[in-house]
């Protein structure tokens, strides 16, 4: 999970800075509390699905692989989900 939190936080921060927005401005744009943005960028918290939809829309076309692992998910022979980096 830490990998995804870091990827989300880095992606949001890069997109926000590219648009020259403060954390408060982005929070206002997303209609969420500024602490939510701060927590995401510090790899903390567990954002709601609505926040994730906004962040995906906000970062669209800024990164080709928003919040996806480097390689596809694969199932092992024991049908456990495994990640491959």
N, C-alpha and C. Protein backbone atom coordinates (compact mmCIF):
# COMPACT_ATOMS: atom_id res chain seq x y z
N UNK A 1 0.81 -1.20 0.00
CA UNK A 1 0.00 0.00 0.00
C UNK A 1 0.85 1.26 0.00
N UNK A 2 2.01 1.20 0.62
CA UNK A 2 2.86 2.39 0.69
C UNK A 2 3.23 2.87 -0.70
N UNK A 3 3.48 1.94 -1.61
CA UNK A 3 3.83 2.31 -2.98
C UNK A 3 2.73 3.16 -3.61
N UNK A 4 1.48 2.77 -3.42
CA UNK A 4 0.36 3.51 -4.01
C UNK A 4 0.19 4.87 -3.35
N UNK A 5 0.38 4.95 -2.06
CA UNK A 5 0.27 6.23 -1.36
C UNK A 5 1.34 7.20 -1.86
N UNK A 6 2.55 6.70 -2.05
CA UNK A 6 3.63 7.54 -2.56
C UNK A 6 3.36 7.97 -4.00
N UNK A 7 2.91 7.05 -4.83
CA UNK A 7 2.60 7.37 -6.23
C UNK A 7 1.50 8.42 -6.31
N UNK A 8 0.46 8.25 -5.53
CA UNK A 8 -0.64 9.22 -5.51
C UNK A 8 -0.15 10.58 -5.04
N UNK A 9 0.58 10.61 -3.94
CA UNK A 9 1.07 11.86 -3.39
C UNK A 9 2.00 12.60 -4.33
N UNK A 10 2.92 11.87 -4.94
CA UNK A 10 3.85 12.48 -5.89
C UNK A 10 3.13 13.01 -7.12
N UNK A 11 2.18 12.26 -7.61
CA UNK A 11 1.44 12.65 -8.81
C UNK A 11 0.62 13.91 -8.56
N UNK A 12 -0.06 13.95 -7.42
CA UNK A 12 -0.88 15.12 -7.09
C UNK A 12 0.01 16.34 -6.91
N UNK A 13 1.08 16.20 -6.19
CA UNK A 13 1.95 17.34 -5.93
C UNK A 13 2.56 17.89 -7.23
N UNK A 14 3.04 17.01 -8.10
CA UNK A 14 3.62 17.44 -9.38
C UNK A 14 2.59 18.17 -10.23
N UNK A 15 1.38 17.62 -10.30
CA UNK A 15 0.33 18.25 -11.11
C UNK A 15 -0.07 19.59 -10.51
N UNK A 16 -0.16 19.65 -9.19
CA UNK A 16 -0.54 20.90 -8.52
C UNK A 16 0.51 21.97 -8.76
N UNK A 17 1.77 21.63 -8.61
CA UNK A 17 2.84 22.60 -8.83
C UNK A 17 2.94 23.02 -10.29
N UNK A 18 2.68 22.10 -11.20
CA UNK A 18 2.72 22.42 -12.63
C UNK A 18 1.65 23.46 -12.98
N UNK A 19 0.55 23.44 -12.23
CA UNK A 19 -0.53 24.41 -12.46
C UNK A 19 -0.40 25.63 -11.56
N UNK A 20 0.69 25.67 -10.81
CA UNK A 20 0.96 26.78 -9.89
C UNK A 20 -0.18 27.03 -8.92
N UNK A 21 -0.67 25.93 -8.33
CA UNK A 21 -1.73 26.01 -7.32
C UNK A 21 -1.15 25.72 -5.95
N UNK A 22 -1.67 26.40 -4.94
CA UNK A 22 -1.33 26.05 -3.57
C UNK A 22 -2.19 24.87 -3.16
N UNK A 23 -1.83 24.27 -2.04
CA UNK A 23 -2.66 23.18 -1.52
C UNK A 23 -4.07 23.68 -1.22
N UNK A 24 -4.18 24.87 -0.69
CA UNK A 24 -5.49 25.45 -0.36
C UNK A 24 -6.31 25.69 -1.63
N UNK A 25 -5.67 26.17 -2.68
CA UNK A 25 -6.39 26.41 -3.94
C UNK A 25 -6.89 25.10 -4.55
N UNK A 26 -6.05 24.07 -4.51
CA UNK A 26 -6.47 22.78 -5.04
C UNK A 26 -7.62 22.21 -4.21
N UNK A 27 -7.53 22.34 -2.90
CA UNK A 27 -8.59 21.85 -2.03
C UNK A 27 -9.91 22.56 -2.33
N UNK A 28 -9.85 23.87 -2.53
CA UNK A 28 -11.06 24.63 -2.85
C UNK A 28 -11.64 24.17 -4.19
N UNK A 29 -10.77 23.93 -5.14
CA UNK A 29 -11.19 23.47 -6.47
C UNK A 29 -11.88 22.10 -6.38
N UNK A 30 -11.38 21.27 -5.47
CA UNK A 30 -11.92 19.92 -5.30
C UNK A 30 -13.06 19.87 -4.29
N UNK A 31 -13.31 21.01 -3.64
CA UNK A 31 -14.34 21.09 -2.61
C UNK A 31 -14.08 20.11 -1.46
N UNK A 32 -12.80 20.06 -1.04
CA UNK A 32 -12.41 19.22 0.09
C UNK A 32 -11.56 20.04 1.05
N UNK A 33 -11.31 19.51 2.22
CA UNK A 33 -10.50 20.20 3.21
C UNK A 33 -9.03 20.18 2.79
N UNK A 34 -8.33 21.27 3.07
CA UNK A 34 -6.92 21.37 2.70
C UNK A 34 -6.09 20.27 3.38
N UNK A 35 -6.50 19.82 4.55
CA UNK A 35 -5.76 18.75 5.23
C UNK A 35 -5.77 17.45 4.43
N UNK A 36 -6.80 17.25 3.62
CA UNK A 36 -6.85 16.06 2.77
C UNK A 36 -5.72 16.10 1.75
N UNK A 37 -5.53 17.26 1.12
CA UNK A 37 -4.44 17.41 0.15
C UNK A 37 -3.09 17.24 0.84
N UNK A 38 -2.94 17.87 2.00
CA UNK A 38 -1.69 17.77 2.75
C UNK A 38 -1.38 16.31 3.07
N UNK A 39 -2.39 15.58 3.56
CA UNK A 39 -2.19 14.17 3.91
C UNK A 39 -1.84 13.32 2.69
N UNK A 40 -2.50 13.58 1.56
CA UNK A 40 -2.20 12.82 0.35
C UNK A 40 -0.74 13.06 -0.06
N UNK A 41 -0.34 14.34 -0.05
CA UNK A 41 1.03 14.66 -0.47
C UNK A 41 2.09 14.17 0.50
N UNK A 42 1.69 13.88 1.73
CA UNK A 42 2.63 13.33 2.72
C UNK A 42 2.46 11.82 2.86
N UNK A 43 1.73 11.22 1.92
CA UNK A 43 1.53 9.77 1.85
C UNK A 43 0.78 9.23 3.06
N UNK A 44 -0.12 10.03 3.60
CA UNK A 44 -0.92 9.59 4.76
C UNK A 44 -2.39 9.60 4.40
N UNK A 45 -3.16 9.00 5.28
CA UNK A 45 -4.60 9.03 5.12
C UNK A 45 -5.11 7.98 4.15
N UNK A 46 -6.41 7.96 4.02
CA UNK A 46 -7.09 7.01 3.15
C UNK A 46 -8.20 7.79 2.44
N UNK A 47 -7.87 8.45 1.32
CA UNK A 47 -8.85 9.33 0.69
C UNK A 47 -10.09 8.59 0.21
N UNK A 48 -11.21 9.29 0.25
CA UNK A 48 -12.47 8.73 -0.22
C UNK A 48 -12.42 8.54 -1.73
N UNK A 49 -13.28 7.70 -2.21
CA UNK A 49 -13.35 7.42 -3.64
C UNK A 49 -13.61 8.68 -4.45
N UNK A 50 -14.46 9.56 -3.93
CA UNK A 50 -14.77 10.81 -4.62
C UNK A 50 -13.50 11.66 -4.81
N UNK A 51 -12.64 11.66 -3.81
CA UNK A 51 -11.38 12.41 -3.89
C UNK A 51 -10.48 11.78 -4.95
N UNK A 52 -10.43 10.46 -4.99
CA UNK A 52 -9.61 9.78 -5.98
C UNK A 52 -10.10 10.05 -7.40
N UNK A 53 -11.41 10.11 -7.59
CA UNK A 53 -11.94 10.45 -8.91
C UNK A 53 -11.51 11.85 -9.32
N UNK A 54 -11.59 12.78 -8.38
CA UNK A 54 -11.17 14.15 -8.70
C UNK A 54 -9.68 14.19 -9.02
N UNK A 55 -8.87 13.52 -8.21
CA UNK A 55 -7.43 13.57 -8.44
C UNK A 55 -7.07 12.94 -9.78
N UNK A 56 -7.78 11.90 -10.16
CA UNK A 56 -7.51 11.28 -11.46
C UNK A 56 -7.86 12.26 -12.59
N UNK A 57 -8.97 12.95 -12.44
CA UNK A 57 -9.37 13.94 -13.45
C UNK A 57 -8.39 15.12 -13.45
N UNK A 58 -7.98 15.55 -12.29
CA UNK A 58 -7.06 16.67 -12.15
C UNK A 58 -5.71 16.38 -12.79
N UNK A 59 -5.24 15.16 -12.66
CA UNK A 59 -3.92 14.79 -13.18
C UNK A 59 -3.97 14.23 -14.59
N UNK A 60 -5.13 14.16 -15.19
CA UNK A 60 -5.29 13.59 -16.53
C UNK A 60 -4.31 14.25 -17.51
N UNK A 61 -3.69 13.42 -18.32
CA UNK A 61 -2.72 13.85 -19.33
C UNK A 61 -1.44 14.42 -18.74
N UNK A 62 -1.26 14.37 -17.46
CA UNK A 62 -0.02 14.83 -16.87
C UNK A 62 0.90 13.65 -16.58
N UNK A 63 0.31 12.49 -16.50
CA UNK A 63 1.08 11.28 -16.29
C UNK A 63 0.34 10.15 -16.97
N UNK A 64 1.03 9.36 -17.73
CA UNK A 64 0.36 8.34 -18.52
C UNK A 64 -0.27 7.25 -17.68
N UNK A 65 0.37 6.91 -16.57
CA UNK A 65 -0.11 5.78 -15.77
C UNK A 65 -0.52 6.26 -14.39
N UNK A 66 -1.65 6.91 -14.28
CA UNK A 66 -2.11 7.41 -12.99
C UNK A 66 -2.41 6.26 -12.03
N UNK A 67 -1.67 6.21 -10.94
CA UNK A 67 -1.95 5.32 -9.82
C UNK A 67 -1.98 3.84 -10.20
N UNK A 68 -1.20 3.46 -11.18
CA UNK A 68 -1.15 2.06 -11.56
C UNK A 68 0.24 1.52 -11.30
N UNK A 69 0.34 0.25 -10.94
CA UNK A 69 1.68 -0.32 -10.73
C UNK A 69 2.47 -0.32 -12.03
N UNK A 70 3.78 -0.44 -11.90
CA UNK A 70 4.65 -0.40 -13.07
C UNK A 70 4.32 -1.52 -14.05
N UNK A 71 3.95 -2.64 -13.55
CA UNK A 71 3.57 -3.76 -14.40
C UNK A 71 2.19 -4.25 -13.98
N UNK A 72 1.58 -4.99 -14.84
CA UNK A 72 0.22 -5.45 -14.59
C UNK A 72 0.15 -6.40 -13.40
N UNK A 73 -1.04 -6.45 -12.81
CA UNK A 73 -1.30 -7.44 -11.77
C UNK A 73 -1.35 -8.82 -12.41
N UNK A 74 -0.81 -9.77 -11.73
CA UNK A 74 -0.86 -11.14 -12.24
C UNK A 74 -1.32 -12.05 -11.11
N UNK A 75 -1.99 -13.12 -11.48
CA UNK A 75 -2.39 -14.11 -10.49
C UNK A 75 -1.40 -15.26 -10.53
N UNK A 76 -1.01 -15.70 -9.34
CA UNK A 76 -0.10 -16.85 -9.27
C UNK A 76 -0.92 -18.12 -9.39
N UNK A 77 -0.24 -19.23 -9.46
CA UNK A 77 -0.92 -20.52 -9.58
C UNK A 77 -1.77 -20.82 -8.35
N UNK A 78 -1.43 -20.21 -7.20
CA UNK A 78 -2.25 -20.43 -6.00
C UNK A 78 -3.37 -19.40 -5.91
N UNK A 79 -3.61 -18.69 -7.00
CA UNK A 79 -4.65 -17.69 -7.16
C UNK A 79 -4.53 -16.51 -6.18
N UNK A 80 -3.36 -16.27 -5.67
CA UNK A 80 -3.12 -15.06 -4.90
C UNK A 80 -2.71 -13.96 -5.85
N UNK A 81 -3.13 -12.75 -5.57
CA UNK A 81 -2.74 -11.63 -6.42
C UNK A 81 -1.32 -11.22 -6.05
N UNK A 82 -0.49 -11.04 -7.06
CA UNK A 82 0.89 -10.68 -6.83
C UNK A 82 1.21 -9.44 -7.67
N UNK A 83 2.09 -8.60 -7.14
CA UNK A 83 2.53 -7.43 -7.87
C UNK A 83 3.95 -7.67 -8.36
N UNK A 84 4.22 -7.24 -9.57
CA UNK A 84 5.55 -7.35 -10.14
C UNK A 84 6.03 -5.98 -10.51
N UNK A 85 7.16 -5.56 -9.97
CA UNK A 85 7.74 -4.25 -10.31
C UNK A 85 8.94 -4.42 -11.18
